[in-house]
Amino acid sequence: MDPEGFAGPSDKVVKPLTPEALAAFKAAQEKAGVVYISRIPPGMRPTKVRHLMSAYGEVGRVYLQQEDPKRAYLRRKYTSTKKAHYTEGWVEFRDKRVARSVAEMLNAQPIGGKKGTRWRDDVWTMQYLPKFKWNMLTEQIAHEAAMHQAQLRVELSQSRKEQREYLKNVELARVLDKRAERKRKAVEDGTSQARPTQEVSEPPARERKDREGAGPAKKKKKIALDNPAAEKQLNTVLSSIF
């Protein structure tokens, strides 16, 4: 239970209860009644609620629930109001009959007060809770707090898991980038080494072409030398010309 939202009786030294005192306490708890206030006017604090409710009967304990932390953060960030705001509350009356009558009388009625007061035109929205005791409220608040803590632990665990996955993916991307860079450099080095080899091997290719082109001429000449009749005919033609 939030201490800032609680406005109970003055602090007293807690002593062990005698059987008679315990029986009296249980009887007082059975006699008490709780009124639920679904909306707390902005800026109204537990002490003010106690003061207003005390005008209708004897009040035991008062608890107001603060607004959601995220909403409070945004309100403090973007508005000039820095004080805590409360969204709902519970008021315990010593007599359940008084609690029922107060809820029926004040529900949907203006808060009132002197002219010019801050909450004069605000409206009460309250309801009497039959068979509802204060210990149920404390158990509910404790249960909600435990659920909130469990949810925070789950969210924290999920956040850590996502962070580990993110770091793992970053490391994997870095390794893949290095591997791709090494592969690219290897390809560039292989290309640069292949170019000089090709240039050196080109002249022999041309020489082979020249040899292939000169081959038939030499062959023809060799055939002409090997044939005497052809050589004699060639000499006759030349002598007739000259």
Protein backbone atom coordinates (compact mmCIF):
# COMPACT_ATOMS: atom_id res chain seq x y z
CA MET A 1 0.00 0.00 0.00
CA ASP A 2 1.35 3.37 -0.99
CA PRO A 3 2.15 5.43 2.14
CA GLU A 4 1.43 8.69 0.33
CA GLY A 5 -2.09 7.57 -0.50
CA PHE A 6 -2.89 6.38 3.02
CA ALA A 7 -4.44 8.59 5.67
CA GLY A 8 -5.18 6.52 8.73
CA PRO A 9 -5.28 7.26 12.44
CA SER A 10 -2.23 8.71 14.15
CA ASP A 11 0.78 6.41 14.55
CA LYS A 12 0.71 4.30 17.65
CA VAL A 13 3.03 1.74 19.15
CA VAL A 14 1.88 -1.72 18.07
CA LYS A 15 1.34 -4.08 21.00
CA PRO A 16 0.15 -7.70 21.05
CA LEU A 17 -3.63 -7.92 21.28
CA THR A 18 -5.27 -9.67 24.18
CA PRO A 19 -8.11 -12.07 23.38
CA GLU A 20 -10.62 -9.45 24.50
CA ALA A 21 -9.02 -6.75 22.35
CA LEU A 22 -8.89 -9.13 19.38
CA ALA A 23 -12.57 -9.92 19.76
CA ALA A 24 -13.37 -6.20 19.98
CA PHE A 25 -11.27 -5.51 16.88
CA LYS A 26 -13.09 -8.20 14.89
CA ALA A 27 -16.43 -6.81 16.02
CA ALA A 28 -15.38 -3.32 14.93
CA GLN A 29 -14.29 -4.69 11.56
CA GLU A 30 -17.63 -6.42 11.10
CA LYS A 31 -19.44 -3.20 11.96
CA ALA A 32 -17.36 -1.01 9.64
CA GLY A 33 -18.33 -0.23 6.06
CA VAL A 34 -16.27 0.82 3.03
CA VAL A 35 -17.20 3.41 0.41
CA TYR A 36 -15.52 3.32 -2.98
CA ILE A 37 -14.82 6.64 -4.77
CA SER A 38 -14.30 6.01 -8.49
CA ARG A 39 -12.93 9.49 -9.26
CA ILE A 40 -10.74 11.75 -7.16
CA PRO A 41 -10.75 15.43 -8.20
CA PRO A 42 -7.35 16.61 -9.46
CA GLY A 43 -5.12 17.81 -6.65
CA MET A 44 -7.23 16.36 -3.81
CA ARG A 45 -5.12 14.50 -1.28
CA PRO A 46 -6.05 11.80 1.28
CA THR A 47 -6.11 14.28 4.18
CA LYS A 48 -8.65 16.43 2.31
CA VAL A 49 -10.84 13.42 1.59
CA ARG A 50 -10.73 12.45 5.26
CA HIS A 51 -11.64 15.98 6.26
CA LEU A 52 -14.65 16.08 3.88
CA MET A 53 -15.91 12.60 4.83
CA SER A 54 -15.53 13.24 8.55
CA ALA A 55 -18.38 15.75 8.32
CA TYR A 56 -20.82 12.84 7.77
CA GLY A 57 -19.55 10.26 10.23
CA GLU A 58 -16.58 8.73 12.01
CA VAL A 59 -13.93 7.76 9.48
CA GLY A 60 -11.41 4.99 10.00
CA ARG A 61 -8.93 4.57 7.17
CA VAL A 62 -8.61 6.29 3.81
CA TYR A 63 -6.61 5.07 0.85
CA LEU A 64 -6.23 6.79 -2.53
CA GLN A 65 -4.64 5.08 -5.52
CA GLN A 66 -2.04 7.12 -7.38
CA GLU A 67 -2.23 7.43 -11.16
CA ASP A 68 -0.26 5.21 -13.49
CA PRO A 69 3.49 5.98 -13.36
CA LYS A 70 3.71 6.46 -17.15
CA ARG A 71 0.81 8.85 -17.13
CA ALA A 72 2.30 10.71 -14.16
CA TYR A 73 5.62 11.03 -16.00
CA LEU A 74 3.96 12.48 -19.09
CA ARG A 75 1.88 14.86 -16.99
CA ARG A 76 4.92 16.16 -15.12
CA LYS A 77 6.83 16.47 -18.40
CA TYR A 78 4.23 18.40 -20.38
CA THR A 79 2.31 20.29 -17.68
CA SER A 80 3.21 22.57 -14.81
CA THR A 81 1.54 20.31 -12.21
CA LYS A 82 4.21 18.34 -10.38
CA LYS A 83 2.24 17.01 -7.39
CA ALA A 84 0.88 13.49 -7.23
CA HIS A 85 -2.58 12.85 -8.66
CA TYR A 86 -4.98 10.17 -7.44
CA THR A 87 -7.48 8.28 -9.56
CA GLU A 88 -9.66 6.34 -7.08
CA GLY A 89 -10.06 5.83 -3.36
CA TRP A 90 -11.60 3.88 -0.51
CA VAL A 91 -12.99 5.35 2.72
CA GLU A 92 -13.74 3.23 5.76
CA PHE A 93 -16.52 4.37 8.09
CA ARG A 94 -16.83 2.95 11.59
CA ASP A 95 -20.51 2.22 11.02
CA LYS A 96 -21.63 0.47 7.81
CA ARG A 97 -25.03 2.15 8.03
CA VAL A 98 -23.36 5.55 7.92
CA ALA A 99 -21.23 4.42 4.97
CA ARG A 100 -24.31 3.30 3.05
CA SER A 101 -26.21 6.52 3.74
CA VAL A 102 -23.20 8.71 2.83
CA ALA A 103 -22.73 6.90 -0.50
CA GLU A 104 -26.43 7.22 -1.36
CA MET A 105 -26.54 10.86 -0.34
CA LEU A 106 -23.33 12.16 -1.97
CA ASN A 107 -23.19 10.09 -5.18
CA ALA A 108 -23.51 12.32 -8.28
CA GLN A 109 -23.70 15.42 -6.06
CA PRO A 110 -21.38 18.47 -6.15
CA ILE A 111 -18.64 18.54 -3.54
CA GLY A 112 -19.68 22.06 -2.61
CA GLY A 113 -17.97 24.27 -0.08
CA LYS A 114 -17.33 27.96 0.09
CA LYS A 115 -17.54 30.01 -3.05
CA GLY A 116 -14.25 30.10 -4.91
CA THR A 117 -12.88 26.87 -3.44
CA ARG A 118 -11.03 24.58 -5.81
CA TRP A 119 -13.40 21.61 -5.84
CA ARG A 120 -16.70 23.40 -5.34
CA ASP A 121 -18.12 22.33 -8.72
CA ASP A 122 -16.62 18.82 -8.83
CA VAL A 123 -19.00 15.90 -8.45
CA TRP A 124 -18.69 12.91 -6.13
CA THR A 125 -18.86 9.46 -7.77
CA MET A 126 -19.03 6.90 -4.96
CA GLN A 127 -20.61 3.59 -4.13
CA TYR A 128 -21.09 1.58 -0.96
CA LEU A 129 -19.39 -1.84 -1.06
CA PRO A 130 -21.51 -4.36 0.85
CA LYS A 131 -19.64 -7.21 2.57
CA PHE A 132 -16.35 -5.57 1.63
CA LYS A 133 -13.75 -5.25 4.40
CA TRP A 134 -10.51 -3.34 4.61
CA ASN A 135 -8.37 -6.46 4.71
CA MET A 136 -9.76 -7.39 1.28
CA LEU A 137 -8.42 -4.10 -0.05
CA THR A 138 -4.97 -4.68 1.39
CA GLU A 139 -4.92 -8.23 -0.02
CA GLN A 140 -6.00 -6.94 -3.41
CA ILE A 141 -3.33 -4.24 -3.40
CA ALA A 142 -0.69 -6.76 -2.33
CA HIS A 143 -1.82 -9.13 -5.10
CA GLU A 144 -1.72 -6.36 -7.71
CA ALA A 145 1.74 -5.33 -6.51
CA ALA A 146 2.95 -8.94 -6.79
CA MET A 147 1.47 -9.23 -10.28
CA HIS A 148 3.13 -5.98 -11.25
CA GLN A 149 6.50 -7.21 -10.00
CA ALA A 150 6.07 -10.49 -11.86
CA GLN A 151 5.20 -8.62 -15.04
CA LEU A 152 8.27 -6.43 -14.62
CA ARG A 153 10.45 -9.51 -14.20
CA VAL A 154 8.98 -11.07 -17.36
CA GLU A 155 9.49 -7.86 -19.33
CA LEU A 156 13.05 -7.55 -18.02
CA SER A 157 13.82 -11.14 -18.97
CA GLN A 158 12.34 -10.59 -22.43
CA SER A 159 14.36 -7.41 -22.84
CA ARG A 160 17.57 -9.21 -21.91
CA LYS A 161 16.78 -12.00 -24.36
CA GLU A 162 16.14 -9.51 -27.15
CA GLN A 163 19.37 -7.71 -26.29
CA ARG A 164 21.35 -10.96 -26.50
CA GLU A 165 19.74 -11.82 -29.84
CA TYR A 166 20.54 -8.35 -31.14
CA LEU A 167 24.20 -8.59 -30.10
CA LYS A 168 24.41 -12.06 -31.62
CA ASN A 169 23.02 -10.78 -34.93
CA VAL A 170 25.43 -7.83 -34.88
CA GLU A 171 28.40 -10.15 -34.34
CA LEU A 172 27.18 -12.49 -37.10
CA ALA A 173 26.80 -9.58 -39.52
CA ARG A 174 30.32 -8.40 -38.68
CA VAL A 175 31.75 -11.87 -39.37
CA LEU A 176 29.87 -12.15 -42.67
CA ASP A 177 31.08 -8.70 -43.73
CA LYS A 178 34.69 -9.67 -43.02
CA ARG A 179 34.26 -12.90 -44.94
CA ALA A 180 32.77 -11.08 -47.93
CA GLU A 181 35.60 -8.53 -47.83
CA ARG A 182 38.25 -11.28 -47.86
CA LYS A 183 36.49 -13.00 -50.76
CA ARG A 184 36.32 -9.76 -52.72
CA LYS A 185 40.03 -9.09 -52.17
CA ALA A 186 40.89 -12.64 -53.25
CA VAL A 187 38.93 -12.19 -56.48
CA GLU A 188 40.66 -8.87 -57.19
CA ASP A 189 44.11 -10.39 -56.57
CA GLY A 190 43.35 -13.32 -58.90
CA THR A 191 42.21 -10.99 -61.68
CA SER A 192 45.33 -8.81 -61.40
CA GLN A 193 47.60 -11.87 -61.66
CA ALA A 194 45.77 -13.30 -64.70
CA ARG A 195 46.20 -10.16 -66.85
CA PRO A 196 50.11 -10.24 -67.19
CA THR A 197 50.04 -13.95 -67.99
CA GLN A 198 47.59 -13.33 -70.82
CA GLU A 199 49.75 -10.51 -72.26
CA VAL A 200 52.90 -12.66 -72.25
CA SER A 201 51.13 -15.55 -73.94
CA GLU A 202 49.72 -13.42 -76.78
CA PRO A 203 52.97 -13.13 -78.88
CA PRO A 204 53.41 -16.89 -79.23
CA ALA A 205 49.81 -17.07 -80.44
CA ARG A 206 50.54 -14.55 -83.18
CA GLU A 207 53.73 -16.40 -84.10
CA ARG A 208 51.68 -19.56 -84.44
CA LYS A 209 49.34 -17.75 -86.80
CA ASP A 210 52.32 -16.49 -88.84
CA ARG A 211 53.72 -19.97 -89.01
CA GLU A 212 50.36 -21.33 -90.05
CA GLY A 213 50.11 -18.62 -92.79
CA ALA A 214 53.65 -19.25 -94.09
CA GLY A 215 53.29 -22.99 -94.06
CA PRO A 216 51.40 -23.43 -97.40
CA ALA A 217 53.82 -21.14 -99.32
CA LYS A 218 56.84 -23.11 -98.18
CA LYS A 219 55.03 -26.28 -99.00
CA LYS A 220 54.27 -25.07 -102.53
CA LYS A 221 57.92 -24.08 -103.04
CA LYS A 222 59.10 -27.44 -101.84
CA ILE A 223 56.68 -29.18 -104.23
CA ALA A 224 57.99 -27.03 -107.12
CA LEU A 225 61.61 -27.95 -106.36
CA ASP A 226 60.82 -31.59 -106.15
CA ASN A 227 59.11 -31.61 -109.64
CA PRO A 228 61.80 -31.27 -112.54
CA ALA A 229 59.23 -31.16 -115.35
CA ALA A 230 57.55 -28.20 -113.83
CA GLU A 231 60.92 -26.49 -113.44
CA LYS A 232 61.84 -27.12 -117.11
CA GLN A 233 58.52 -25.72 -118.32
CA LEU A 234 59.06 -22.65 -116.18
CA ASN A 235 62.52 -22.06 -117.76
CA THR A 236 61.10 -22.40 -121.33
CA VAL A 237 58.46 -19.80 -120.62
CA LEU A 238 61.03 -17.37 -119.22
CA SER A 239 63.43 -17.85 -122.24
CA SER A 240 60.64 -17.13 -124.72
CA ILE A 241 59.79 -13.94 -122.92
CA PHE A 242 63.33 -12.58 -122.73
